[in-house]
Amino acid sequence: MAPPDKHVVLIGFMGAGKSTLGAEVALRLGRPFFDVDDAIERQHGAIWELFAREGEAAFRELEAQFLRDATAHAQPAVIAVGGGAVETRGLLETLDDVLVVHLDVDVETAWGRVRGSRRPLAQDEAEFRLRYERRAPLYSRAAHTTARDADDIVLAAAGVHVERGALARLQDLVPGDGPTALVSDQHVAGIHGMDAQLALGPRLQAMHELPAGEAAKQMPALDRLWQELRLDRSGTIVALGGGTTTDAAGFAAATYLRGIDWTPVPTTLVGQVDAAIGGKTAIDLPQGKNLVGAFHWPRRTVIDPALLVTLPPEQRLEGTAEVVKTSLLAGEALHELRDDELVRRCAAFKAAICLRDPYDRADRKQLNLGHTFAHALEAAAGYAGLSHGRAVALGLLAALRLSGRETKAVEELLHPEPARVDREAAWAAMQRDKKVEGGELRLVLLEERGPAWDVPVPAADVRRALDELVAE
């Protein structure tokens, strides 16, 4: 399935921040930004003068025509419309390939932002408040979702739903009305499986079990799952579990019947902040990790931070490695946030990058910071005895050293310890990595100006950095 490519139309009352947030979201998604008010002013003069000269109805006609023209373009854009666009009957409902996002704002905040301005409909406070009350239900009916900031808008654009308690609403949150097959491993199914089955209700056709850990990403496990599936092309695979489960179930969805819908429901920190987002699916070969896979964007990713409460400390540390990676890339201490906000912010950071570069051809490559080393170490360990989180911690250490950057955060938060693997096997796996081009290793490094990818690094330097990660 291709990544979401709908126009994002921002609606909301005066002072909601549509213009400011719209410009920020467009930049993060790599899309053009259109502001209806700004466009009308460029062509017809100041809006307050237009209102005085021709009235609100004339403005609404111009607004509606501009919106229709903007959404007719094939390239998806972010479009901010006036607060009263919802009062033009049928305008938003007749637009194709559009995601309507309501930027919510309380009336006190809205009035505080616009009073004293030349906005024609913000001159009288009593009328302003009455208009707010009249439009509130119109926003609710017109919007596909509600957002409070740029991260919420990005997540909506990517089809990622983050909500505490979302597991209980799977029947509503899994798109479509066809049958579903729930895929999980024995451990996760024992904790959350019954809740997921009850939540899916009559849509649940069958439940399937994958092995725990990297064994889920081996051909025997996939072969059994393919043979057990009985979904038709209207069906959806719901993947409940950690990163290996969502990787394997997503790849099964990408290939079964030449591709069916799927919805990951990640239950681990690594899954919620990284593995379940962006449509990468894969299985392993003995020669290397994730060497066979497909880009298959989920219809929706459902993230319930409440599920993290069941994680044991060692599993929490696994996910923290990906959180630290995201913090390094974003240049923000996201790892210091509480769970709900940590997950939301990290998920939004990755979602924006994946929407800009869905097929890993440009800046999505930055998300592999430390992972070339990590995957080589995991392969050398035979995908046993060295967890993904521990391997990523070591990989980040190597990447920062090669970048000439401080390693204190990785050492203090992740406590990486040298891996007991065969050095030559790890080196051979690195040379089979997907990021090798023309026999030359290309890495993600963290430079002063930010992350850089496809950086050629001399083999001797890479080998030395790898050897420092391996126990004597």
Protein backbone atom coordinates (compact mmCIF):
# COMPACT_ATOMS: atom_id res chain seq x y z
CA MET A 1 0.00 0.00 0.00
CA ALA A 2 1.26 3.46 -0.91
CA PRO A 3 1.81 6.10 1.79
CA PRO A 4 -1.02 8.54 2.50
CA ASP A 5 -1.03 11.38 -0.03
CA LYS A 6 -4.18 13.32 0.74
CA HIS A 7 -4.32 17.08 0.92
CA VAL A 8 -4.39 18.23 4.55
CA VAL A 9 -7.04 20.93 5.02
CA LEU A 10 -6.88 22.80 8.32
CA ILE A 11 -10.11 24.21 9.70
CA GLY A 12 -10.81 25.97 12.96
CA PHE A 13 -12.00 29.16 14.56
CA MET A 14 -10.21 32.49 14.31
CA GLY A 15 -7.01 32.44 16.35
CA ALA A 16 -6.61 28.65 16.22
CA GLY A 17 -3.18 28.98 14.58
CA LYS A 18 -4.01 27.50 11.19
CA SER A 19 -1.58 29.70 9.26
CA THR A 20 1.33 29.27 11.66
CA LEU A 21 0.93 25.52 12.17
CA GLY A 22 0.07 24.94 8.53
CA ALA A 23 3.36 26.44 7.40
CA GLU A 24 5.28 24.37 9.98
CA VAL A 25 3.55 21.11 9.00
CA ALA A 26 4.08 21.76 5.29
CA LEU A 27 7.80 22.21 5.92
CA ARG A 28 7.99 19.01 7.96
CA LEU A 29 6.11 17.01 5.31
CA GLY A 30 7.93 18.56 2.36
CA ARG A 31 4.68 19.83 0.85
CA PRO A 32 3.51 23.20 -0.48
CA PHE A 33 1.48 25.37 1.87
CA PHE A 34 -1.53 27.41 0.79
CA ASP A 35 -3.22 29.92 3.05
CA VAL A 36 -6.61 30.91 1.67
CA ASP A 37 -6.75 34.26 3.47
CA ASP A 38 -3.28 35.18 2.28
CA ALA A 39 -4.05 34.18 -1.32
CA ILE A 40 -7.26 36.20 -1.38
CA GLU A 41 -5.52 39.25 0.05
CA ARG A 42 -2.82 39.08 -2.64
CA GLN A 43 -5.46 39.06 -5.37
CA HIS A 44 -8.24 41.22 -3.91
CA GLY A 45 -6.69 43.38 -1.21
CA ALA A 46 -7.13 43.34 2.55
CA ILE A 47 -9.89 41.03 3.76
CA TRP A 48 -11.40 43.64 6.04
CA GLU A 49 -11.72 45.94 3.02
CA LEU A 50 -13.23 43.13 0.94
CA PHE A 51 -15.80 42.51 3.69
CA ALA A 52 -16.64 46.20 3.84
CA ARG A 53 -16.84 46.52 0.08
CA GLU A 54 -18.57 43.30 -0.98
CA GLY A 55 -19.68 41.52 2.19
CA GLU A 56 -18.97 38.13 3.76
CA ALA A 57 -20.82 36.18 1.05
CA ALA A 58 -18.42 37.40 -1.64
CA PHE A 59 -15.46 36.40 0.49
CA ARG A 60 -16.91 32.92 1.03
CA GLU A 61 -17.31 32.46 -2.73
CA LEU A 62 -13.67 33.36 -3.31
CA GLU A 63 -12.61 31.08 -0.46
CA ALA A 64 -14.58 28.13 -1.82
CA GLN A 65 -13.17 28.56 -5.33
CA PHE A 66 -9.60 28.81 -4.08
CA LEU A 67 -10.01 25.67 -1.98
CA ARG A 68 -11.44 23.73 -4.92
CA ASP A 69 -8.55 24.87 -7.13
CA ALA A 70 -5.92 24.04 -4.51
CA THR A 71 -7.23 20.53 -3.89
CA ALA A 72 -7.45 19.82 -7.63
CA HIS A 73 -3.65 19.63 -7.84
CA ALA A 74 -2.19 16.12 -7.84
CA GLN A 75 0.64 17.03 -5.45
CA PRO A 76 -0.66 16.85 -1.88
CA ALA A 77 -0.51 20.14 -0.01
CA VAL A 78 -1.30 21.62 3.38
CA ILE A 79 -4.13 24.16 3.08
CA ALA A 80 -5.39 26.56 5.76
CA VAL A 81 -8.90 27.89 5.23
CA GLY A 82 -10.84 30.62 6.97
CA GLY A 83 -12.70 29.92 10.17
CA GLY A 84 -16.04 30.25 8.40
CA ALA A 85 -15.37 27.80 5.56
CA VAL A 86 -17.51 25.24 7.38
CA GLU A 87 -20.51 27.51 6.90
CA THR A 88 -20.36 27.14 3.12
CA ARG A 89 -22.80 24.28 2.66
CA GLY A 90 -21.26 21.13 1.16
CA LEU A 91 -17.85 22.69 0.49
CA LEU A 92 -15.65 20.32 2.50
CA GLU A 93 -17.83 17.27 1.96
CA THR A 94 -17.49 17.42 -1.84
CA LEU A 95 -13.66 17.54 -1.91
CA ASP A 96 -11.78 14.38 -2.95
CA ASP A 97 -8.53 13.04 -1.45
CA VAL A 98 -8.68 15.43 1.48
CA LEU A 99 -7.95 14.96 5.17
CA VAL A 100 -9.81 17.63 7.15
CA VAL A 101 -8.16 18.44 10.47
CA HIS A 102 -9.85 20.63 13.06
CA LEU A 103 -7.43 22.79 15.03
CA ASP A 104 -9.28 23.15 18.29
CA VAL A 105 -9.00 26.30 20.40
CA ASP A 106 -11.06 27.51 23.34
CA VAL A 107 -12.93 30.76 22.93
CA GLU A 108 -10.92 32.61 25.59
CA THR A 109 -7.62 31.82 23.87
CA ALA A 110 -9.06 32.66 20.47
CA TRP A 111 -10.36 36.06 21.60
CA GLY A 112 -7.10 36.86 23.35
CA ARG A 113 -5.21 36.23 20.11
CA VAL A 114 -7.41 38.25 17.74
CA ARG A 115 -8.89 41.12 19.74
CA GLY A 116 -7.64 44.50 18.59
CA SER A 117 -6.89 43.14 15.11
CA ARG A 118 -8.54 44.29 11.88
CA ARG A 119 -10.30 40.96 11.40
CA PRO A 120 -13.81 41.94 10.30
CA LEU A 121 -15.51 39.26 12.40
CA ALA A 122 -13.49 39.98 15.55
CA GLN A 123 -14.62 43.52 16.30
CA ASP A 124 -17.39 42.71 18.77
CA GLU A 125 -16.66 40.24 21.60
CA ALA A 126 -20.26 39.20 22.15
CA GLU A 127 -20.77 38.47 18.45
CA PHE A 128 -17.41 36.69 18.38
CA ARG A 129 -18.51 34.32 21.15
CA LEU A 130 -21.89 33.65 19.52
CA ARG A 131 -20.16 32.84 16.24
CA TYR A 132 -17.82 30.48 18.09
CA GLU A 133 -20.77 28.58 19.56
CA ARG A 134 -22.52 28.39 16.19
CA ARG A 135 -19.48 27.01 14.37
CA ALA A 136 -18.34 24.51 17.01
CA PRO A 137 -20.67 21.66 15.89
CA LEU A 138 -19.88 22.42 12.24
CA TYR A 139 -16.17 21.82 12.86
CA SER A 140 -16.94 18.53 14.58
CA ARG A 141 -19.07 17.30 11.68
CA ALA A 142 -16.66 18.39 8.94
CA ALA A 143 -13.38 17.16 10.45
CA HIS A 144 -11.91 13.70 10.12
CA THR A 145 -9.82 14.33 13.22
CA THR A 146 -8.93 17.01 15.77
CA ALA A 147 -5.44 18.33 16.52
CA ARG A 148 -3.89 20.68 19.00
CA ASP A 149 -0.41 21.14 17.52
CA ALA A 150 1.86 20.34 14.58
CA ASP A 151 2.71 16.87 15.88
CA ASP A 152 -0.97 15.92 15.95
CA ILE A 153 -1.40 17.12 12.36
CA VAL A 154 1.63 15.14 11.17
CA LEU A 155 0.36 11.98 12.87
CA ALA A 156 -3.06 12.42 11.28
CA ALA A 157 -1.47 12.88 7.86
CA ALA A 158 0.50 9.67 8.36
CA GLY A 159 -2.50 7.66 9.55
CA VAL A 160 -1.03 7.22 13.03
CA HIS A 161 -3.48 7.29 15.94
CA VAL A 162 -1.97 7.79 19.40
CA GLU A 163 -4.43 7.53 22.28
CA ARG A 164 -4.32 6.07 25.76
CA GLY A 165 -6.98 3.35 25.78
CA ALA A 166 -6.98 2.92 21.99
CA LEU A 167 -6.74 -0.88 22.25
CA ALA A 168 -10.33 -1.02 23.47
CA ARG A 169 -11.50 0.87 20.36
CA LEU A 170 -9.94 -1.35 17.69
CA GLN A 171 -13.24 -2.14 15.99
CA ASP A 172 -13.66 1.57 15.25
CA LEU A 173 -10.01 2.39 14.65
CA VAL A 174 -9.13 -0.41 12.21
CA PRO A 175 -10.26 1.04 8.84
CA GLY A 176 -12.78 -0.74 6.65
CA ASP A 177 -15.56 -3.13 7.52
CA GLY A 178 -14.10 -6.41 6.26
CA PRO A 179 -12.84 -9.34 8.36
CA THR A 180 -9.63 -9.12 10.40
CA ALA A 181 -6.93 -11.62 11.31
CA LEU A 182 -5.14 -10.90 14.59
CA VAL A 183 -1.44 -11.81 14.53
CA SER A 184 0.60 -11.87 17.73
CA ASP A 185 3.11 -13.96 19.66
CA GLN A 186 2.25 -16.22 22.57
CA HIS A 187 3.56 -13.88 25.25
CA VAL A 188 1.81 -10.73 24.00
CA ALA A 189 -1.37 -12.67 23.23
CA GLY A 190 -1.41 -13.87 26.84
CA ILE A 191 -1.34 -10.29 28.11
CA HIS A 192 -3.32 -8.28 25.54
CA GLY A 193 -4.79 -10.85 23.16
CA MET A 194 -8.18 -11.22 24.81
CA ASP A 195 -8.65 -7.45 25.05
CA ALA A 196 -7.79 -7.13 21.35
CA GLN A 197 -10.16 -9.93 20.36
CA LEU A 198 -13.02 -8.39 22.34
CA ALA A 199 -12.25 -4.97 20.86
CA LEU A 200 -12.33 -6.28 17.28
CA GLY A 201 -15.70 -7.91 17.97
CA PRO A 202 -17.49 -9.56 15.06
CA ARG A 203 -14.83 -8.39 12.59
CA LEU A 204 -12.34 -10.90 14.02
CA GLN A 205 -12.09 -13.93 11.74
CA ALA A 206 -9.10 -15.73 13.26
CA MET A 207 -6.06 -15.35 15.50
CA HIS A 208 -2.59 -16.44 14.39
CA GLU A 209 0.57 -16.91 16.42
CA LEU A 210 4.13 -16.02 15.45
CA PRO A 211 7.22 -17.01 17.41
CA ALA A 212 8.65 -14.43 19.79
CA GLY A 213 11.63 -12.31 18.79
CA GLU A 214 13.59 -12.54 15.55
CA ALA A 215 12.29 -16.08 14.97
CA ALA A 216 9.10 -14.40 13.76
CA LYS A 217 11.10 -12.98 10.86
CA GLN A 218 12.30 -16.31 9.49
CA MET A 219 10.84 -18.03 6.44
CA PRO A 220 9.29 -21.00 8.30
CA ALA A 221 7.19 -18.63 10.45
CA LEU A 222 6.07 -16.61 7.42
CA ASP A 223 5.30 -19.72 5.40
CA ARG A 224 3.03 -21.05 8.14
CA LEU A 225 1.25 -17.70 8.48
CA TRP A 226 0.66 -17.41 4.73
CA GLN A 227 -0.84 -20.90 4.66
CA GLU A 228 -3.09 -20.28 7.66
CA LEU A 229 -4.54 -16.98 6.44
CA ARG A 230 -8.08 -17.16 5.06
CA LEU A 231 -8.72 -13.47 4.44
CA ASP A 232 -9.99 -12.21 1.11
CA ARG A 233 -8.81 -8.91 -0.33
CA SER A 234 -11.27 -6.95 1.81
CA GLY A 235 -9.59 -8.27 4.94
CA THR A 236 -7.07 -6.66 7.27
CA ILE A 237 -4.18 -8.13 9.23
CA VAL A 238 -3.97 -6.61 12.72
CA ALA A 239 -0.44 -7.02 14.11
CA LEU A 240 -0.37 -6.92 17.91
CA GLY A 241 3.10 -6.98 19.40
CA GLY A 242 6.63 -5.67 19.21
CA GLY A 243 8.80 -4.76 16.28
CA THR A 244 9.45 -8.29 15.08
CA THR A 245 5.73 -9.08 15.03
CA THR A 246 4.83 -5.92 13.12
CA ASP A 247 7.74 -6.45 10.70
CA ALA A 248 6.70 -10.02 9.93
CA ALA A 249 2.94 -9.47 9.87
CA GLY A 250 3.38 -6.37 7.73
CA PHE A 251 5.48 -8.34 5.23
CA ALA A 252 2.83 -11.07 5.20
CA ALA A 253 0.21 -8.40 4.42
CA ALA A 254 2.40 -6.92 1.67
CA THR A 255 2.69 -10.28 -0.09
CA TYR A 256 -0.51 -12.22 0.67
CA LEU A 257 -2.94 -11.98 -2.27
CA ARG A 258 -0.41 -9.49 -3.72
CA GLY A 259 -1.10 -7.13 -0.85
CA ILE A 260 -3.89 -6.62 1.68
CA ASP A 261 -4.47 -3.95 4.32
CA TRP A 262 -2.83 -4.13 7.70
CA THR A 263 -2.91 -2.25 11.00
CA PRO A 264 -0.03 -2.51 13.46
CA VAL A 265 -0.86 -2.19 17.15
CA PRO A 266 2.59 -1.97 18.76
CA THR A 267 2.87 -3.08 22.38
CA THR A 268 6.52 -2.22 23.02
CA LEU A 269 8.32 1.10 23.27
CA VAL A 270 10.50 0.30 20.27
CA GLY A 271 7.38 -0.50 18.26
CA GLN A 272 5.49 2.61 19.33
CA VAL A 273 8.26 5.10 18.62
CA ASP A 274 9.85 3.44 15.62
CA ALA A 275 9.24 -0.05 14.22
CA ALA A 276 5.49 0.19 13.53
CA ILE A 277 5.66 3.57 11.78
CA GLY A 278 6.40 4.23 8.12
CA GLY A 279 5.50 1.09 6.22
CA LYS A 280 8.82 -0.74 6.21
CA THR A 281 8.28 -4.49 6.54
CA ALA A 282 10.94 -7.20 6.36
CA ILE A 283 12.24 -10.60 7.31
CA ASP A 284 15.81 -11.77 7.93
CA LEU A 285 18.26 -13.97 6.07
CA PRO A 286 21.17 -15.78 7.71
CA GLN A 287 23.46 -13.34 5.86
CA GLY A 288 21.86 -10.23 7.33
CA LYS A 289 18.90 -8.54 8.95
CA ASN A 290 15.90 -7.20 6.98
CA LEU A 291 17.37 -8.23 3.62
CA VAL A 292 13.96 -9.31 2.26
CA GLY A 293 11.08 -6.88 2.64
CA ALA A 294 8.62 -4.44 1.15
CA PHE A 295 7.29 -0.94 1.65
CA HIS A 296 3.66 -1.45 2.63
CA TRP A 297 2.12 1.48 4.49
CA PRO A 298 -0.50 0.52 7.09
CA ARG A 299 -4.05 1.76 6.62
CA ARG A 300 -3.68 3.00 10.18
CA THR A 301 -1.21 2.56 13.01
CA VAL A 302 -2.91 2.35 16.41
CA ILE A 303 -0.68 3.27 19.36
CA ASP A 304 -1.87 2.90 22.93
CA PRO A 305 0.80 4.17 25.39
CA ALA A 306 -1.08 2.46 28.24
CA LEU A 307 0.26 -0.88 26.95
CA LEU A 308 3.77 0.12 28.00
CA VAL A 309 2.91 -0.41 31.66
CA THR A 310 3.32 -4.17 31.17
CA LEU A 311 6.88 -3.87 29.84
CA PRO A 312 9.63 -5.35 32.03
CA PRO A 313 12.65 -3.07 32.61
CA GLU A 314 14.83 -4.85 30.05
CA GLN A 315 12.19 -4.36 27.35
CA ARG A 316 11.84 -0.73 28.34
CA LEU A 317 15.59 -0.30 27.83
CA GLU A 318 15.24 -1.85 24.37
CA GLY A 319 12.90 0.89 23.28
CA THR A 320 14.89 3.59 25.01
CA ALA A 321 17.68 2.97 22.50
CA GLU A 322 15.37 4.10 19.68
CA VAL A 323 14.16 7.04 21.78
CA VAL A 324 17.75 8.16 22.32
CA LYS A 325 18.38 7.82 18.58
CA THR A 326 15.36 10.03 17.89
CA SER A 327 16.52 12.57 20.47
CA LEU A 328 19.93 12.76 18.78
CA LEU A 329 18.38 13.25 15.34
CA ALA A 330 15.80 15.78 16.52
CA GLY A 331 18.25 17.68 18.70
CA GLU A 332 15.78 17.53 21.60
CA ALA A 333 15.80 15.63 24.89
CA LEU A 334 12.67 13.64 24.00
CA HIS A 335 13.80 10.83 26.30
CA GLU A 336 13.02 13.08 29.30
CA LEU A 337 9.28 13.25 28.51
CA ARG A 338 6.59 11.14 30.16
CA ASP A 339 5.33 8.13 28.23
CA ASP A 340 2.28 9.58 26.45
CA GLU A 341 4.11 12.68 25.25
CA LEU A 342 7.35 10.78 24.58
CA VAL A 343 5.56 8.33 22.31
CA ARG A 344 3.54 11.02 20.54
CA ARG A 345 6.53 13.26 19.86
CA CYS A 346 8.85 10.45 18.72
CA ALA A 347 6.15 8.93 16.52
CA ALA A 348 5.44 12.30 14.92
CA PHE A 349 9.14 12.90 14.25
CA LYS A 350 9.49 9.62 12.40
CA ALA A 351 6.12 9.93 10.64
CA ALA A 352 7.07 13.30 9.13
CA ILE A 353 10.36 11.96 7.77
CA CYS A 354 8.66 8.88 6.32
CA LEU A 355 6.01 10.98 4.58
CA ARG A 356 8.73 13.17 3.07
CA ASP A 357 10.68 10.15 1.90
CA PRO A 358 8.46 7.06 1.97
CA TYR A 359 10.81 4.81 -0.02
CA ASP A 360 14.07 5.51 1.82
CA ARG A 361 15.78 7.36 -1.02
CA ALA A 362 16.78 10.54 0.79
CA ASP A 363 16.49 11.89 4.32
CA ARG A 364 14.64 8.86 5.70
CA LYS A 365 18.07 7.25 5.69
CA GLN A 366 18.93 9.29 8.79
CA LEU A 367 16.70 6.95 10.80
CA ASN A 368 19.40 4.29 10.36
CA LEU A 369 21.75 6.14 12.70
CA GLY A 370 23.76 3.38 14.40
CA HIS A 371 21.77 0.61 12.74
CA THR A 372 24.37 -0.54 10.23
CA PHE A 373 26.56 -1.59 13.14
CA ALA A 374 23.59 -2.90 15.12
CA HIS A 375 22.32 -5.16 12.34
CA ALA A 376 25.81 -6.56 11.73
CA LEU A 377 26.21 -7.43 15.40
CA GLU A 378 22.76 -9.06 15.51
CA ALA A 379 23.54 -11.16 12.43
CA ALA A 380 26.88 -12.21 13.90
CA ALA A 381 25.06 -13.31 17.05
CA GLY A 382 22.69 -15.43 14.96
CA TYR A 383 19.79 -13.26 16.17
CA ALA A 384 20.16 -14.84 19.60
CA GLY A 385 21.93 -13.63 22.71
CA LEU A 386 22.11 -10.00 21.57
CA SER A 387 18.89 -8.01 21.62
CA HIS A 388 18.07 -5.32 19.07
CA GLY A 389 18.11 -2.59 21.72
CA ARG A 390 21.55 -3.57 23.01
CA ALA A 391 22.83 -3.72 19.44
CA VAL A 392 21.40 -0.26 18.64
CA ALA A 393 23.03 1.18 21.77
CA LEU A 394 26.39 -0.11 20.55
CA GLY A 395 25.69 1.12 17.03
CA LEU A 396 24.92 4.61 18.30
CA LEU A 397 28.17 4.58 20.22
CA ALA A 398 30.10 3.73 17.04
CA ALA A 399 28.25 6.30 14.93
CA LEU A 400 28.89 9.08 17.43
CA ARG A 401 32.56 8.17 17.71
CA LEU A 402 32.96 8.27 13.93
CA SER A 403 31.12 11.60 13.94
CA GLY A 404 33.49 13.02 16.54
CA ARG A 405 30.55 13.67 18.86
CA GLU A 406 30.01 13.27 22.59
CA THR A 407 28.85 9.78 23.63
CA LYS A 408 27.83 10.62 27.22
CA ALA A 409 24.06 10.42 26.65
CA VAL A 410 24.28 6.96 25.08
CA GLU A 411 26.57 5.66 27.81
CA GLU A 412 24.54 7.05 30.70
CA LEU A 413 21.07 6.16 29.37
CA LEU A 414 21.75 2.87 27.59
CA HIS A 415 24.82 1.43 29.35
CA PRO A 416 26.15 -0.37 26.24
CA GLU A 417 28.38 -3.36 26.86
CA PRO A 418 30.66 -4.96 24.24
CA ALA A 419 28.98 -7.79 22.35
CA ARG A 420 30.32 -11.33 22.48
CA VAL A 421 30.18 -12.14 18.77
CA ASP A 422 32.60 -13.26 16.10
CA ARG A 423 34.34 -10.17 14.68
CA GLU A 424 34.73 -11.61 11.20
CA ALA A 425 31.08 -12.65 11.05
CA ALA A 426 30.04 -9.12 12.08
CA TRP A 427 32.31 -7.57 9.45
CA ALA A 428 30.95 -9.87 6.77
CA ALA A 429 27.38 -8.91 7.73
CA MET A 430 28.24 -5.22 7.52
CA GLN A 431 29.46 -5.70 3.98
CA ARG A 432 26.12 -7.28 3.03
CA ASP A 433 24.15 -4.38 4.52
CA LYS A 434 21.57 -2.59 2.36
CA LYS A 435 23.51 0.66 2.76
CA VAL A 436 26.57 -0.65 0.93
CA GLU A 437 26.83 0.92 -2.53
CA GLY A 438 29.38 -0.21 -5.10
CA GLY A 439 31.25 -2.08 -2.39
CA GLU A 440 31.61 1.12 -0.33
CA LEU A 441 30.14 1.44 3.15
CA ARG A 442 27.95 4.51 3.57
CA LEU A 443 26.91 5.49 7.06
CA VAL A 444 24.66 7.92 8.87
CA LEU A 445 26.72 10.34 10.93
CA LEU A 446 25.74 13.16 13.25
CA GLU A 447 27.48 16.33 12.13
CA GLU A 448 27.39 19.78 13.71
CA ARG A 449 24.62 20.90 11.39
CA GLY A 450 22.61 17.74 12.03
CA PRO A 451 22.33 14.21 10.63
CA ALA A 452 24.06 13.35 7.35
CA TRP A 453 23.49 10.16 5.40
CA ASP A 454 25.21 8.28 2.59
CA VAL A 455 28.53 9.40 4.07
CA PRO A 456 31.37 7.28 2.66
CA VAL A 457 33.67 6.16 5.48
CA PRO A 458 37.00 4.41 4.89
CA ALA A 459 36.68 0.69 5.51
CA ALA A 460 39.59 0.75 7.96
CA ASP A 461 37.79 3.33 10.14
CA VAL A 462 34.53 1.37 10.05
CA ARG A 463 36.33 -1.86 10.91
CA ARG A 464 38.11 -0.19 13.83
CA ALA A 465 34.81 1.23 15.14
CA LEU A 466 33.17 -2.20 14.82
CA ASP A 467 36.00 -3.96 16.61
CA GLU A 468 35.64 -1.57 19.56
CA LEU A 469 32.07 -2.87 20.00
CA VAL A 470 33.12 -6.53 20.28
CA ALA A 471 34.25 -8.06 23.55
CA GLU A 472 37.80 -9.39 23.74
